[in-house]
Amino acid sequence: MVFSFGINGDGTNLTFNPIENSSDFEEKSKIELLNRSLDLEIRKDKLSKIRYEIFSNREDTITYQFDYTGDEQIFEVPEGISEIIIEAWGASGGDNSYIGGIGSGGLGGYVSGILDVEYINQLAIFVGGGGTIIYGGWNGGGNGSSIEGDTGTGSNGGGGASDIRVGGNNLDDRVVVAAGGGGAAYESAWEEDWVVGWGAANGGNGGGLIGEDGGDWQDYTNNGGYGATEIAGGENGGTFGIGGNHFSGPYGDLSGGGGGWYGGGGGGSEDIFWNTAGGGGSSYIDGVENSDTVSGVREGDGLVLIHVIQDTGSGCTDPSACNYDPDATEDDGS
């Protein structure tokens, strides 16, 4: 049995109306899950092609890996290095874990690009944390709501963004940002032995340059948190760098938006305050060259990789040649 929702005449109290399960619900559920899986495979394939293009002709790189720590990390640029390759993945929003719920947090976005570091000595690295029940992930994830004040149950926070900052550690110092995904909302109609037919309140994927809107249960409310853009946070609380918190409501089923260049909106509004998920944040790549981005590919905490492009030491080793390079250790045939 699934349940539909109604609002009493005074506009404040919810009533739950049982309706019979149907083959339509089951079929829509299967189609939704299949499409979500296929979309992810397409995005992962795009990511693989981007990474292949970056590294297929590069064997002269040293990679530095930065995992989630919940704090700022520092990268000292090696002496003599003029450019680095940056890859960053935002964190995902929290998944629904309430009474076997099926909602999934939005996945974190991916960005890559080349940063000129000829006159830069130090970079500040911020790796986003994944959203959990109620709490947004570190570095911008918005909070979800709790069930009647119970801090152990409720909807999920959005994932934090991963970014790199130059010249300081403020949001304005970011040169590249990989967005976090929105948190999943639990369905307030859940009780033991109840069945949700389709349309789980999935969090919106982190961008891409535009975050994905959050979902809602069976598309009933059509009011999930909105995804962020390059110029504005997602409606319902998303701001510069910060995902929106859930809108205030009594049922614990509104989740937080993902962090990003701008943050995704949190679930709910003044008109709708149940069963809606947070939107994804937006990514940012204007601070790097040869940049690219893919939405919704990272599950769990974020990640940052810095690939230092090494000088191979190749050049002309013939002392009698006009282009002789005394520092070259390998002749380049010129």
Protein backbone atom coordinates (compact mmCIF):
# COMPACT_ATOMS: atom_id res chain seq x y z
CA MET A 1 0.00 0.00 0.00
CA VAL A 2 1.26 3.50 -0.75
CA PHE A 3 -0.06 6.74 0.67
CA SER A 4 -1.03 10.03 -0.87
CA PHE A 5 -1.06 13.31 1.01
CA GLY A 6 -3.77 15.89 1.57
CA ILE A 7 -3.94 19.20 3.41
CA ASN A 8 -6.89 19.92 5.62
CA GLY A 9 -9.07 22.92 5.00
CA ASP A 10 -7.13 25.07 7.44
CA GLY A 11 -4.00 24.55 5.34
CA THR A 12 -1.90 23.30 8.23
CA ASN A 13 -2.61 19.66 9.04
CA LEU A 14 -1.62 16.73 6.92
CA THR A 15 -3.82 13.72 6.28
CA PHE A 16 -2.53 10.45 4.87
CA ASN A 17 -4.76 8.70 2.38
CA PRO A 18 -4.00 5.05 1.57
CA ILE A 19 -4.17 4.09 -2.09
CA GLU A 20 -3.58 0.71 -3.63
CA ASN A 21 -0.25 -0.32 -5.12
CA SER A 22 -0.37 -0.49 -8.88
CA SER A 23 1.67 -1.99 -11.67
CA ASP A 24 2.18 1.58 -12.93
CA PHE A 25 4.03 2.48 -9.74
CA GLU A 26 6.26 -0.56 -10.03
CA GLU A 27 6.99 0.07 -13.69
CA LYS A 28 7.80 3.75 -13.09
CA SER A 29 10.13 2.75 -10.28
CA LYS A 30 12.03 0.35 -12.53
CA ILE A 31 12.27 2.91 -15.33
CA GLU A 32 13.48 5.62 -12.95
CA LEU A 33 16.19 3.43 -11.47
CA LEU A 34 17.29 2.24 -14.92
CA ASN A 35 17.49 5.78 -16.30
CA ARG A 36 19.45 6.95 -13.27
CA SER A 37 21.91 4.08 -13.78
CA LEU A 38 22.25 4.73 -17.51
CA ASP A 39 22.79 8.44 -16.98
CA LEU A 40 25.58 7.69 -14.50
CA GLU A 41 27.30 5.35 -16.96
CA ILE A 42 27.20 8.06 -19.63
CA ARG A 43 28.74 10.61 -17.27
CA LYS A 44 31.43 8.17 -16.14
CA ASP A 45 32.28 7.42 -19.77
CA LYS A 46 32.69 11.15 -20.43
CA LEU A 47 34.93 11.41 -17.36
CA SER A 48 37.12 8.54 -18.59
CA LYS A 49 37.56 10.24 -21.96
CA ILE A 50 38.51 13.55 -20.34
CA ARG A 51 41.10 11.87 -18.11
CA TYR A 52 42.49 9.93 -21.06
CA GLU A 53 42.95 13.15 -23.03
CA ILE A 54 44.74 14.74 -20.08
CA PHE A 55 47.19 11.93 -19.43
CA SER A 56 47.53 9.87 -22.64
CA ASN A 57 50.62 11.79 -23.73
CA ARG A 58 51.97 12.64 -20.29
CA GLU A 59 54.35 10.36 -18.48
CA ASP A 60 56.19 13.23 -16.81
CA THR A 61 53.85 13.97 -13.91
CA ILE A 62 54.01 13.42 -10.16
CA THR A 63 50.64 13.14 -8.43
CA TYR A 64 49.77 14.52 -4.99
CA GLN A 65 46.53 13.20 -3.47
CA PHE A 66 44.38 15.12 -0.99
CA ASP A 67 41.62 13.18 0.76
CA TYR A 68 38.91 14.53 3.02
CA THR A 69 40.19 15.67 6.45
CA GLY A 70 37.61 18.24 7.53
CA ASP A 71 40.21 21.01 7.48
CA GLU A 72 42.25 23.18 5.13
CA GLN A 73 45.30 21.50 3.60
CA ILE A 74 48.33 23.20 2.06
CA PHE A 75 50.22 22.35 -1.12
CA GLU A 76 53.68 23.86 -1.53
CA VAL A 77 54.49 24.37 -5.20
CA PRO A 78 57.82 22.71 -6.00
CA GLU A 79 60.60 25.03 -7.11
CA GLY A 80 60.93 25.44 -10.85
CA ILE A 81 57.38 24.28 -11.63
CA SER A 82 55.33 26.60 -13.83
CA GLU A 83 52.05 24.72 -14.22
CA ILE A 84 50.07 21.93 -12.62
CA ILE A 85 47.09 19.81 -13.61
CA ILE A 86 44.21 19.93 -11.15
CA GLU A 87 41.46 17.35 -10.75
CA ALA A 88 38.76 17.70 -8.11
CA TRP A 89 35.65 15.76 -7.16
CA GLY A 90 32.91 17.14 -4.91
CA ALA A 91 31.27 15.01 -2.21
CA SER A 92 27.89 13.34 -2.49
CA GLY A 93 24.82 14.11 -0.41
CA GLY A 94 23.72 11.61 2.20
CA ASP A 95 21.60 8.59 1.21
CA ASN A 96 18.24 7.74 2.76
CA SER A 97 18.69 5.20 5.55
CA TYR A 98 15.37 5.61 7.36
CA ILE A 99 13.30 2.40 7.54
CA GLY A 100 14.78 1.02 4.34
CA GLY A 101 14.14 4.16 2.30
CA ILE A 102 15.29 4.19 -1.30
CA GLY A 103 16.26 7.83 -1.81
CA SER A 104 19.86 8.45 -2.98
CA GLY A 105 22.02 11.48 -2.34
CA GLY A 106 23.14 13.46 -5.37
CA LEU A 107 26.65 12.59 -6.57
CA GLY A 108 29.52 15.07 -6.51
CA GLY A 109 30.72 16.80 -9.66
CA TYR A 110 34.16 16.69 -11.31
CA VAL A 111 36.41 19.45 -12.63
CA SER A 112 39.84 19.52 -14.24
CA GLY A 113 42.20 22.10 -15.68
CA ILE A 114 45.74 23.47 -15.84
CA LEU A 115 46.76 26.18 -13.37
CA ASP A 116 49.70 28.54 -13.99
CA VAL A 117 51.77 28.51 -10.79
CA GLU A 118 54.90 30.28 -12.04
CA TYR A 119 54.40 33.06 -9.48
CA ILE A 120 52.47 31.04 -6.89
CA ASN A 121 54.18 29.43 -3.92
CA GLN A 122 51.29 27.86 -2.07
CA LEU A 123 47.77 26.56 -2.65
CA ALA A 124 45.00 26.03 -0.10
CA ILE A 125 43.15 22.74 -0.63
CA PHE A 126 39.61 22.17 0.63
CA VAL A 127 38.19 18.65 0.16
CA GLY A 128 34.46 18.31 0.73
CA GLY A 129 32.90 15.85 3.15
CA GLY A 130 29.92 13.66 2.32
CA GLY A 131 26.51 14.51 3.75
CA THR A 132 25.09 12.45 6.60
CA ILE A 133 21.73 12.20 8.37
CA ILE A 134 20.75 15.80 9.22
CA TYR A 135 24.26 17.25 8.84
CA GLY A 136 25.73 18.78 5.70
CA GLY A 137 29.22 17.76 4.58
CA TRP A 138 32.18 19.98 5.40
CA ASN A 139 32.84 22.86 3.01
CA GLY A 140 29.39 24.02 2.16
CA GLY A 141 26.86 21.20 2.50
CA GLY A 142 23.44 22.31 3.80
CA ASN A 143 21.71 20.57 6.70
CA GLY A 144 18.67 18.28 6.51
CA SER A 145 15.78 18.22 8.98
CA SER A 146 15.34 15.90 11.95
CA ILE A 147 12.25 13.96 12.94
CA GLU A 148 10.54 15.84 15.76
CA GLY A 149 13.88 16.98 17.12
CA ASP A 150 15.45 13.51 17.08
CA THR A 151 19.05 14.07 15.95
CA GLY A 152 19.47 10.41 14.99
CA THR A 153 16.76 10.23 12.35
CA GLY A 154 15.70 12.48 9.53
CA SER A 155 16.74 13.61 6.09
CA ASN A 156 20.27 14.06 4.86
CA GLY A 157 22.67 16.91 4.49
CA GLY A 158 24.17 17.94 1.16
CA GLY A 159 27.74 17.09 0.18
CA GLY A 160 30.54 19.61 0.54
CA ALA A 161 32.40 21.07 -2.42
CA SER A 162 36.09 20.48 -3.15
CA ASP A 163 38.10 23.53 -4.21
CA ILE A 164 41.52 25.12 -4.54
CA ARG A 165 42.27 28.66 -3.36
CA VAL A 166 45.09 31.03 -4.28
CA GLY A 167 46.23 34.03 -2.26
CA GLY A 168 44.07 33.26 0.77
CA ASN A 169 41.49 30.87 2.20
CA ASN A 170 38.28 32.81 1.60
CA LEU A 171 35.49 31.82 -0.80
CA ASP A 172 36.52 34.64 -3.14
CA ASP A 173 40.01 33.08 -3.45
CA ARG A 174 38.74 29.91 -5.16
CA VAL A 175 40.11 29.25 -8.66
CA VAL A 176 38.39 25.91 -9.25
CA VAL A 177 35.41 24.24 -7.53
CA ALA A 178 33.90 20.76 -7.82
CA ALA A 179 30.31 20.85 -6.57
CA GLY A 180 28.67 18.66 -3.95
CA GLY A 181 25.39 16.78 -4.41
CA GLY A 182 22.14 17.44 -2.57
CA GLY A 183 21.01 15.20 0.27
CA ALA A 184 18.23 12.61 -0.06
CA ALA A 185 14.98 13.16 1.81
CA TYR A 186 13.17 10.36 3.59
CA GLU A 187 9.47 9.88 2.87
CA SER A 188 7.34 10.96 5.82
CA ALA A 189 4.73 8.39 4.84
CA TRP A 190 7.13 5.61 5.87
CA GLU A 191 6.07 3.18 8.54
CA GLU A 192 6.78 -0.51 8.94
CA ASP A 193 5.24 -2.53 6.07
CA TRP A 194 4.38 0.56 4.02
CA VAL A 195 5.65 0.55 0.45
CA VAL A 196 6.79 3.52 -1.58
CA GLY A 197 5.86 2.84 -5.17
CA TRP A 198 8.22 5.12 -7.07
CA GLY A 199 9.82 8.54 -7.19
CA ALA A 200 12.10 8.51 -4.17
CA ALA A 201 13.23 11.94 -3.02
CA ASN A 202 16.72 11.80 -4.54
CA GLY A 203 19.20 14.62 -4.03
CA GLY A 204 20.22 16.61 -7.10
CA ASN A 205 23.65 15.83 -8.57
CA GLY A 206 26.41 18.38 -8.16
CA GLY A 207 27.32 20.21 -11.39
CA GLY A 208 28.68 20.72 -13.98
CA LEU A 209 28.26 24.41 -14.35
CA ILE A 210 24.66 23.96 -13.25
CA GLY A 211 23.55 21.74 -10.36
CA GLU A 212 20.64 19.36 -10.70
CA ASP A 213 17.33 20.03 -8.96
CA GLY A 214 16.43 17.87 -5.97
CA GLY A 215 13.62 15.34 -6.28
CA ASP A 216 10.48 14.65 -4.31
CA TRP A 217 8.37 11.65 -3.41
CA GLN A 218 6.36 10.44 -6.41
CA ASP A 219 6.70 13.96 -7.88
CA TYR A 220 3.85 14.84 -5.56
CA THR A 221 5.10 18.20 -4.40
CA ASN A 222 7.38 19.13 -7.32
CA ASN A 223 9.28 21.38 -4.99
CA GLY A 224 12.71 19.93 -4.36
CA GLY A 225 15.61 22.30 -3.76
CA TYR A 226 16.77 23.89 -7.00
CA GLY A 227 20.23 23.37 -8.45
CA ALA A 228 22.72 26.24 -8.37
CA THR A 229 24.03 28.11 -11.42
CA GLU A 230 27.22 30.04 -12.16
CA ILE A 231 25.62 33.28 -10.99
CA ALA A 232 23.20 32.31 -8.24
CA GLY A 233 22.47 29.78 -5.51
CA GLY A 234 19.60 27.35 -5.86
CA GLU A 235 16.23 28.68 -4.78
CA ASN A 236 15.42 27.68 -1.19
CA GLY A 237 18.52 28.97 0.55
CA GLY A 238 21.53 28.31 -1.69
CA THR A 239 24.15 31.10 -1.51
CA PHE A 240 27.71 31.80 -2.63
CA GLY A 241 29.71 28.71 -1.64
CA ILE A 242 27.04 27.32 0.72
CA GLY A 243 24.20 24.86 0.17
CA GLY A 244 20.79 25.78 1.56
CA ASN A 245 19.56 24.26 4.80
CA HIS A 246 16.17 22.54 4.81
CA PHE A 247 13.14 24.75 5.09
CA SER A 248 11.64 24.64 8.57
CA GLY A 249 9.07 21.87 8.88
CA PRO A 250 7.85 19.38 11.48
CA TYR A 251 8.25 16.08 9.65
CA GLY A 252 11.99 15.61 9.20
CA ASP A 253 11.73 14.95 5.48
CA LEU A 254 13.50 17.95 3.93
CA SER A 255 17.17 17.64 2.99
CA GLY A 256 20.07 20.04 2.48
CA GLY A 257 21.60 21.42 -0.71
CA GLY A 258 25.10 20.66 -1.98
CA GLY A 259 28.01 23.06 -1.65
CA GLY A 260 29.68 24.59 -4.70
CA TRP A 261 30.70 27.81 -6.41
CA TYR A 262 27.12 28.56 -5.52
CA GLY A 263 25.22 26.15 -3.28
CA GLY A 264 22.11 24.18 -4.20
CA GLY A 265 18.80 24.97 -2.52
CA GLY A 266 17.49 23.03 0.45
CA GLY A 267 14.27 21.03 0.33
CA GLY A 268 10.93 22.69 1.04
CA SER A 269 9.40 26.16 0.97
CA GLU A 270 6.73 28.20 2.72
CA ASP A 271 4.10 26.35 0.70
CA ILE A 272 5.54 22.83 0.66
CA PHE A 273 7.26 21.47 3.76
CA TRP A 274 7.51 17.71 3.30
CA ASN A 275 9.19 15.09 1.12
CA THR A 276 11.63 17.18 -0.90
CA ALA A 277 15.36 16.79 -1.49
CA GLY A 278 18.22 19.28 -1.80
CA GLY A 279 19.59 20.57 -5.10
CA GLY A 280 23.16 20.17 -6.31
CA GLY A 281 25.75 22.93 -6.19
CA SER A 282 27.45 24.44 -9.25
CA SER A 283 31.08 23.87 -10.19
CA TYR A 284 33.56 26.55 -11.33
CA ILE A 285 36.41 26.30 -13.84
CA ASP A 286 37.09 29.88 -14.97
CA GLY A 287 40.30 30.07 -12.94
CA VAL A 288 42.11 27.35 -14.93
CA GLU A 289 43.05 26.66 -18.56
CA ASN A 290 42.01 23.68 -20.71
CA SER A 291 39.21 23.08 -18.27
CA ASP A 292 36.37 20.59 -18.24
CA THR A 293 33.63 19.46 -15.90
CA VAL A 294 31.23 16.53 -15.48
CA SER A 295 28.18 16.47 -13.23
CA GLY A 296 27.30 13.72 -10.76
CA VAL A 297 30.13 11.15 -10.72
CA ARG A 298 31.49 10.97 -7.15
CA GLU A 299 30.03 8.98 -4.27
CA GLY A 300 31.20 9.63 -0.70
CA ASP A 301 33.75 12.21 0.35
CA GLY A 302 35.42 14.47 -2.19
CA LEU A 303 38.94 14.21 -3.60
CA VAL A 304 41.60 16.52 -5.03
CA LEU A 305 44.54 15.41 -7.18
CA ILE A 306 47.39 17.73 -8.17
CA HIS A 307 49.61 16.51 -10.98
CA VAL A 308 52.93 18.31 -11.18
CA ILE A 309 54.28 18.48 -14.73
CA GLN A 310 57.97 17.66 -14.56
CA ASP A 311 60.72 18.90 -16.81
CA THR A 312 61.98 15.76 -18.56
CA GLY A 313 65.45 17.24 -19.09
CA SER A 314 65.30 16.73 -22.84
CA GLY A 315 67.04 19.14 -25.22
CA CYS A 316 70.03 19.43 -27.47
CA THR A 317 73.09 17.77 -25.93
CA ASP A 318 75.48 18.62 -28.79
CA PRO A 319 77.91 21.31 -27.50
CA SER A 320 78.68 22.43 -31.07
CA ALA A 321 75.03 23.09 -31.94
CA CYS A 322 73.55 26.58 -31.79
CA ASN A 323 70.66 25.34 -29.64
CA TYR A 324 72.86 23.46 -27.19
CA ASP A 325 71.28 23.11 -23.74
CA PRO A 326 73.88 22.48 -21.03
CA ASP A 327 71.17 21.40 -18.58
CA ALA A 328 69.68 18.75 -20.89
CA THR A 329 70.13 15.14 -19.80
CA GLU A 330 68.44 13.57 -22.83
CA ASP A 331 68.89 14.55 -26.46
CA ASP A 332 65.62 15.54 -28.14
CA GLY A 333 66.97 15.09 -31.68
CA SER A 334 66.88 18.78 -32.57
